[in-house]
N, C-alpha and C. Protein backbone atom coordinates (compact mmCIF):
# COMPACT_ATOMS: atom_id res chain seq x y z
N MET A 1 0.84 -1.18 0.00
CA MET A 1 0.00 0.00 0.00
C MET A 1 0.88 1.25 0.00
N ASP A 2 0.39 2.22 -0.70
CA ASP A 2 1.16 3.46 -0.72
C ASP A 2 0.77 4.36 0.44
N GLU A 3 1.53 5.40 0.65
CA GLU A 3 1.32 6.29 1.79
C GLU A 3 -0.03 6.98 1.76
N GLY A 4 -0.54 7.30 0.59
CA GLY A 4 -1.84 7.97 0.45
C GLY A 4 -2.97 7.08 0.95
N MET A 5 -2.90 5.79 0.61
CA MET A 5 -3.93 4.84 1.04
C MET A 5 -3.87 4.63 2.56
N VAL A 6 -2.69 4.56 3.12
CA VAL A 6 -2.53 4.40 4.56
C VAL A 6 -3.08 5.62 5.28
N PHE A 7 -2.81 6.80 4.74
CA PHE A 7 -3.31 8.03 5.34
C PHE A 7 -4.84 8.05 5.35
N VAL A 8 -5.45 7.63 4.24
CA VAL A 8 -6.91 7.60 4.14
C VAL A 8 -7.47 6.61 5.15
N LEU A 9 -6.85 5.44 5.28
CA LEU A 9 -7.32 4.44 6.26
C LEU A 9 -7.18 4.96 7.69
N ILE A 10 -6.11 5.64 7.97
CA ILE A 10 -5.91 6.21 9.30
C ILE A 10 -7.00 7.25 9.59
N ILE A 11 -7.26 8.10 8.63
CA ILE A 11 -8.32 9.10 8.80
C ILE A 11 -9.67 8.41 9.02
N LEU A 12 -9.95 7.36 8.24
CA LEU A 12 -11.20 6.63 8.39
C LEU A 12 -11.34 6.05 9.80
N PHE A 13 -10.34 5.34 10.24
CA PHE A 13 -10.42 4.68 11.54
C PHE A 13 -10.31 5.67 12.71
N ALA A 14 -9.59 6.75 12.53
CA ALA A 14 -9.38 7.68 13.63
C ALA A 14 -10.52 8.68 13.80
N PHE A 15 -11.17 9.05 12.71
CA PHE A 15 -12.17 10.11 12.81
C PHE A 15 -13.56 9.69 12.36
N VAL A 16 -13.66 9.11 11.19
CA VAL A 16 -14.97 8.81 10.62
C VAL A 16 -15.67 7.69 11.38
N LEU A 17 -15.01 6.61 11.63
CA LEU A 17 -15.62 5.47 12.31
C LEU A 17 -16.12 5.84 13.72
N PRO A 18 -15.32 6.53 14.54
CA PRO A 18 -15.85 6.93 15.86
C PRO A 18 -17.06 7.86 15.76
N ILE A 19 -17.06 8.76 14.79
CA ILE A 19 -18.20 9.66 14.63
C ILE A 19 -19.45 8.87 14.27
N VAL A 20 -19.33 7.91 13.37
CA VAL A 20 -20.47 7.08 12.99
C VAL A 20 -20.95 6.26 14.18
N LEU A 21 -20.03 5.68 14.93
CA LEU A 21 -20.41 4.87 16.10
C LEU A 21 -21.10 5.72 17.17
N ILE A 22 -20.56 6.89 17.43
CA ILE A 22 -21.17 7.78 18.43
C ILE A 22 -22.55 8.23 17.97
N GLY A 23 -22.68 8.54 16.69
CA GLY A 23 -23.98 8.93 16.15
C GLY A 23 -25.00 7.82 16.27
N THR A 24 -24.59 6.61 15.98
CA THR A 24 -25.49 5.45 16.10
C THR A 24 -25.87 5.23 17.55
N TRP A 25 -24.91 5.35 18.46
CA TRP A 25 -25.17 5.14 19.88
C TRP A 25 -26.14 6.19 20.43
N THR A 26 -25.92 7.46 20.09
CA THR A 26 -26.82 8.51 20.58
C THR A 26 -28.21 8.38 19.99
N SER A 27 -28.30 7.96 18.75
CA SER A 27 -29.60 7.73 18.13
C SER A 27 -30.34 6.61 18.85
N HIS A 28 -29.62 5.57 19.19
CA HIS A 28 -30.22 4.45 19.93
C HIS A 28 -30.71 4.92 21.30
N LYS A 29 -29.90 5.73 21.98
CA LYS A 29 -30.28 6.25 23.30
C LYS A 29 -31.55 7.10 23.20
N LYS A 30 -31.65 7.92 22.17
CA LYS A 30 -32.84 8.77 21.99
C LYS A 30 -34.08 7.90 21.77
N GLU A 31 -33.95 6.87 20.95
CA GLU A 31 -35.08 5.98 20.70
C GLU A 31 -35.50 5.25 21.97
N MET A 32 -34.53 4.81 22.75
CA MET A 32 -34.86 4.12 24.01
C MET A 32 -35.53 5.08 24.99
N ALA A 33 -35.13 6.34 25.02
CA ALA A 33 -35.76 7.33 25.89
C ALA A 33 -37.22 7.53 25.48
N LYS A 34 -37.48 7.56 24.17
CA LYS A 34 -38.87 7.70 23.69
C LYS A 34 -39.70 6.49 24.10
N VAL A 35 -39.13 5.30 23.95
CA VAL A 35 -39.85 4.08 24.33
C VAL A 35 -40.14 4.09 25.83
N ASN A 36 -39.16 4.46 26.62
CA ASN A 36 -39.36 4.52 28.08
C ASN A 36 -40.40 5.56 28.46
N ALA A 37 -40.40 6.69 27.78
CA ALA A 37 -41.40 7.73 28.06
C ALA A 37 -42.80 7.20 27.77
N ASN A 38 -42.94 6.49 26.66
CA ASN A 38 -44.25 5.91 26.33
C ASN A 38 -44.65 4.87 27.36
N LEU A 39 -43.70 4.06 27.81
CA LEU A 39 -44.01 3.06 28.83
C LEU A 39 -44.41 3.75 30.13
N ASN A 40 -43.71 4.80 30.49
CA ASN A 40 -44.03 5.51 31.72
C ASN A 40 -45.43 6.11 31.66
N ILE A 41 -45.81 6.63 30.50
CA ILE A 41 -47.17 7.16 30.33
C ILE A 41 -48.18 6.04 30.48
N SER A 42 -47.89 4.90 29.87
CA SER A 42 -48.79 3.75 29.94
C SER A 42 -48.89 3.24 31.38
N GLU A 43 -47.75 3.15 32.05
CA GLU A 43 -47.76 2.70 33.44
C GLU A 43 -48.53 3.67 34.33
N LYS A 44 -48.38 4.96 34.08
CA LYS A 44 -49.09 5.97 34.86
C LYS A 44 -50.60 5.83 34.65
N GLU A 45 -51.02 5.61 33.41
CA GLU A 45 -52.43 5.43 33.12
C GLU A 45 -52.96 4.18 33.82
N ASN A 46 -52.17 3.10 33.80
CA ASN A 46 -52.58 1.87 34.47
C ASN A 46 -52.75 2.08 35.97
N MET A 47 -51.81 2.81 36.57
CA MET A 47 -51.89 3.07 38.00
C MET A 47 -53.09 3.94 38.34
N GLN A 48 -53.38 4.92 37.50
CA GLN A 48 -54.54 5.78 37.73
C GLN A 48 -55.83 4.98 37.62
N ASN A 49 -55.89 4.08 36.64
CA ASN A 49 -57.08 3.24 36.49
C ASN A 49 -57.26 2.32 37.69
N GLU A 50 -56.15 1.74 38.14
CA GLU A 50 -56.21 0.85 39.30
C GLU A 50 -56.62 1.61 40.55
N LEU A 51 -56.10 2.81 40.73
CA LEU A 51 -56.46 3.63 41.88
C LEU A 51 -57.95 3.98 41.85
N ALA A 52 -58.45 4.32 40.70
CA ALA A 52 -59.89 4.62 40.57
C ALA A 52 -60.73 3.40 40.92
N SER A 53 -60.28 2.24 40.49
CA SER A 53 -60.99 0.99 40.80
C SER A 53 -60.99 0.72 42.30
N VAL A 54 -59.85 0.93 42.94
CA VAL A 54 -59.75 0.71 44.39
C VAL A 54 -60.64 1.69 45.14
N LYS A 55 -60.66 2.94 44.70
CA LYS A 55 -61.52 3.93 45.34
C LYS A 55 -62.99 3.53 45.25
N THR A 56 -63.38 3.05 44.08
CA THR A 56 -64.77 2.61 43.90
C THR A 56 -65.09 1.45 44.82
N ARG A 57 -64.20 0.49 44.91
CA ARG A 57 -64.42 -0.66 45.79
C ARG A 57 -64.49 -0.22 47.25
N LEU A 58 -63.65 0.72 47.63
CA LEU A 58 -63.65 1.23 49.00
C LEU A 58 -64.98 1.92 49.31
N GLU A 59 -65.49 2.69 48.37
CA GLU A 59 -66.77 3.35 48.58
C GLU A 59 -67.88 2.33 48.79
N VAL A 60 -67.85 1.25 48.01
CA VAL A 60 -68.87 0.21 48.16
C VAL A 60 -68.75 -0.45 49.53
N LEU A 61 -67.52 -0.77 49.94
CA LEU A 61 -67.32 -1.40 51.25
C LEU A 61 -67.75 -0.46 52.38
N GLU A 62 -67.45 0.82 52.27
CA GLU A 62 -67.88 1.78 53.29
C GLU A 62 -69.40 1.84 53.37
N ALA A 63 -70.04 1.79 52.22
CA ALA A 63 -71.51 1.83 52.20
C ALA A 63 -72.08 0.59 52.88
N ILE A 64 -71.46 -0.56 52.66
CA ILE A 64 -71.95 -1.80 53.27
C ILE A 64 -71.75 -1.75 54.78
N VAL A 65 -70.58 -1.36 55.22
CA VAL A 65 -70.25 -1.38 56.64
C VAL A 65 -71.07 -0.35 57.41
N THR A 66 -71.34 0.79 56.82
CA THR A 66 -72.10 1.81 57.53
C THR A 66 -73.62 1.61 57.40
N ASP A 67 -74.04 0.63 56.64
CA ASP A 67 -75.46 0.33 56.48
C ASP A 67 -76.01 -0.22 57.80
N LYS A 68 -77.18 0.25 58.20
CA LYS A 68 -77.78 -0.17 59.48
C LYS A 68 -78.11 -1.66 59.48
N LYS A 69 -78.48 -2.20 58.34
CA LYS A 69 -78.79 -3.64 58.26
C LYS A 69 -77.54 -4.47 58.58
N TYR A 70 -76.39 -4.01 58.07
CA TYR A 70 -75.14 -4.72 58.33
C TYR A 70 -74.82 -4.68 59.83
N GLN A 71 -74.98 -3.51 60.43
CA GLN A 71 -74.71 -3.39 61.86
C GLN A 71 -75.66 -4.26 62.67
N LEU A 72 -76.93 -4.27 62.29
CA LEU A 72 -77.91 -5.11 62.98
C LEU A 72 -77.54 -6.58 62.85
N HIS A 73 -77.13 -6.98 61.66
CA HIS A 73 -76.72 -8.38 61.44
C HIS A 73 -75.51 -8.72 62.32
N GLN A 74 -74.57 -7.79 62.43
CA GLN A 74 -73.39 -8.02 63.28
C GLN A 74 -73.79 -8.19 64.74
N GLU A 75 -74.70 -7.35 65.20
CA GLU A 75 -75.15 -7.45 66.59
C GLU A 75 -75.87 -8.77 66.85
N ILE A 76 -76.70 -9.19 65.90
CA ILE A 76 -77.40 -10.48 66.05
C ILE A 76 -76.40 -11.62 66.06
N THR A 77 -75.43 -11.56 65.20
CA THR A 77 -74.39 -12.60 65.16
C THR A 77 -73.63 -12.66 66.47
N GLU A 78 -73.30 -11.50 67.04
CA GLU A 78 -72.60 -11.47 68.32
C GLU A 78 -73.46 -12.02 69.45
N LEU A 79 -74.75 -11.72 69.44
CA LEU A 79 -75.65 -12.25 70.45
C LEU A 79 -75.76 -13.77 70.35
N LYS A 80 -75.81 -14.28 69.13
CA LYS A 80 -75.88 -15.73 68.94
C LYS A 80 -74.59 -16.38 69.42
N ALA A 81 -73.47 -15.72 69.24
CA ALA A 81 -72.19 -16.28 69.65
C ALA A 81 -72.10 -16.35 71.17
N VAL A 82 -72.76 -15.44 71.87
CA VAL A 82 -72.74 -15.42 73.33
C VAL A 82 -73.49 -16.62 73.91
N ASP A 83 -74.58 -17.01 73.24
CA ASP A 83 -75.40 -18.13 73.74
C ASP A 83 -74.68 -19.40 73.61
């Protein structure tokens, strides 16, 4: 190989290849950040839906427990247990 070809190869390996690799790596990082952001949004929506469901269930349970019929049933059950 002549000196001109060696110089071109040195330039390629020393400057061009690292620039291409860094560009590819940063592009990959940006894409992964977008994917993670979308997952975080999805996870947040799932958590909000689950929280709403739990709140609804809690309201139903509170309504049952504070119902006078439930309290009366509990008192009758306790009286039967005493006998």
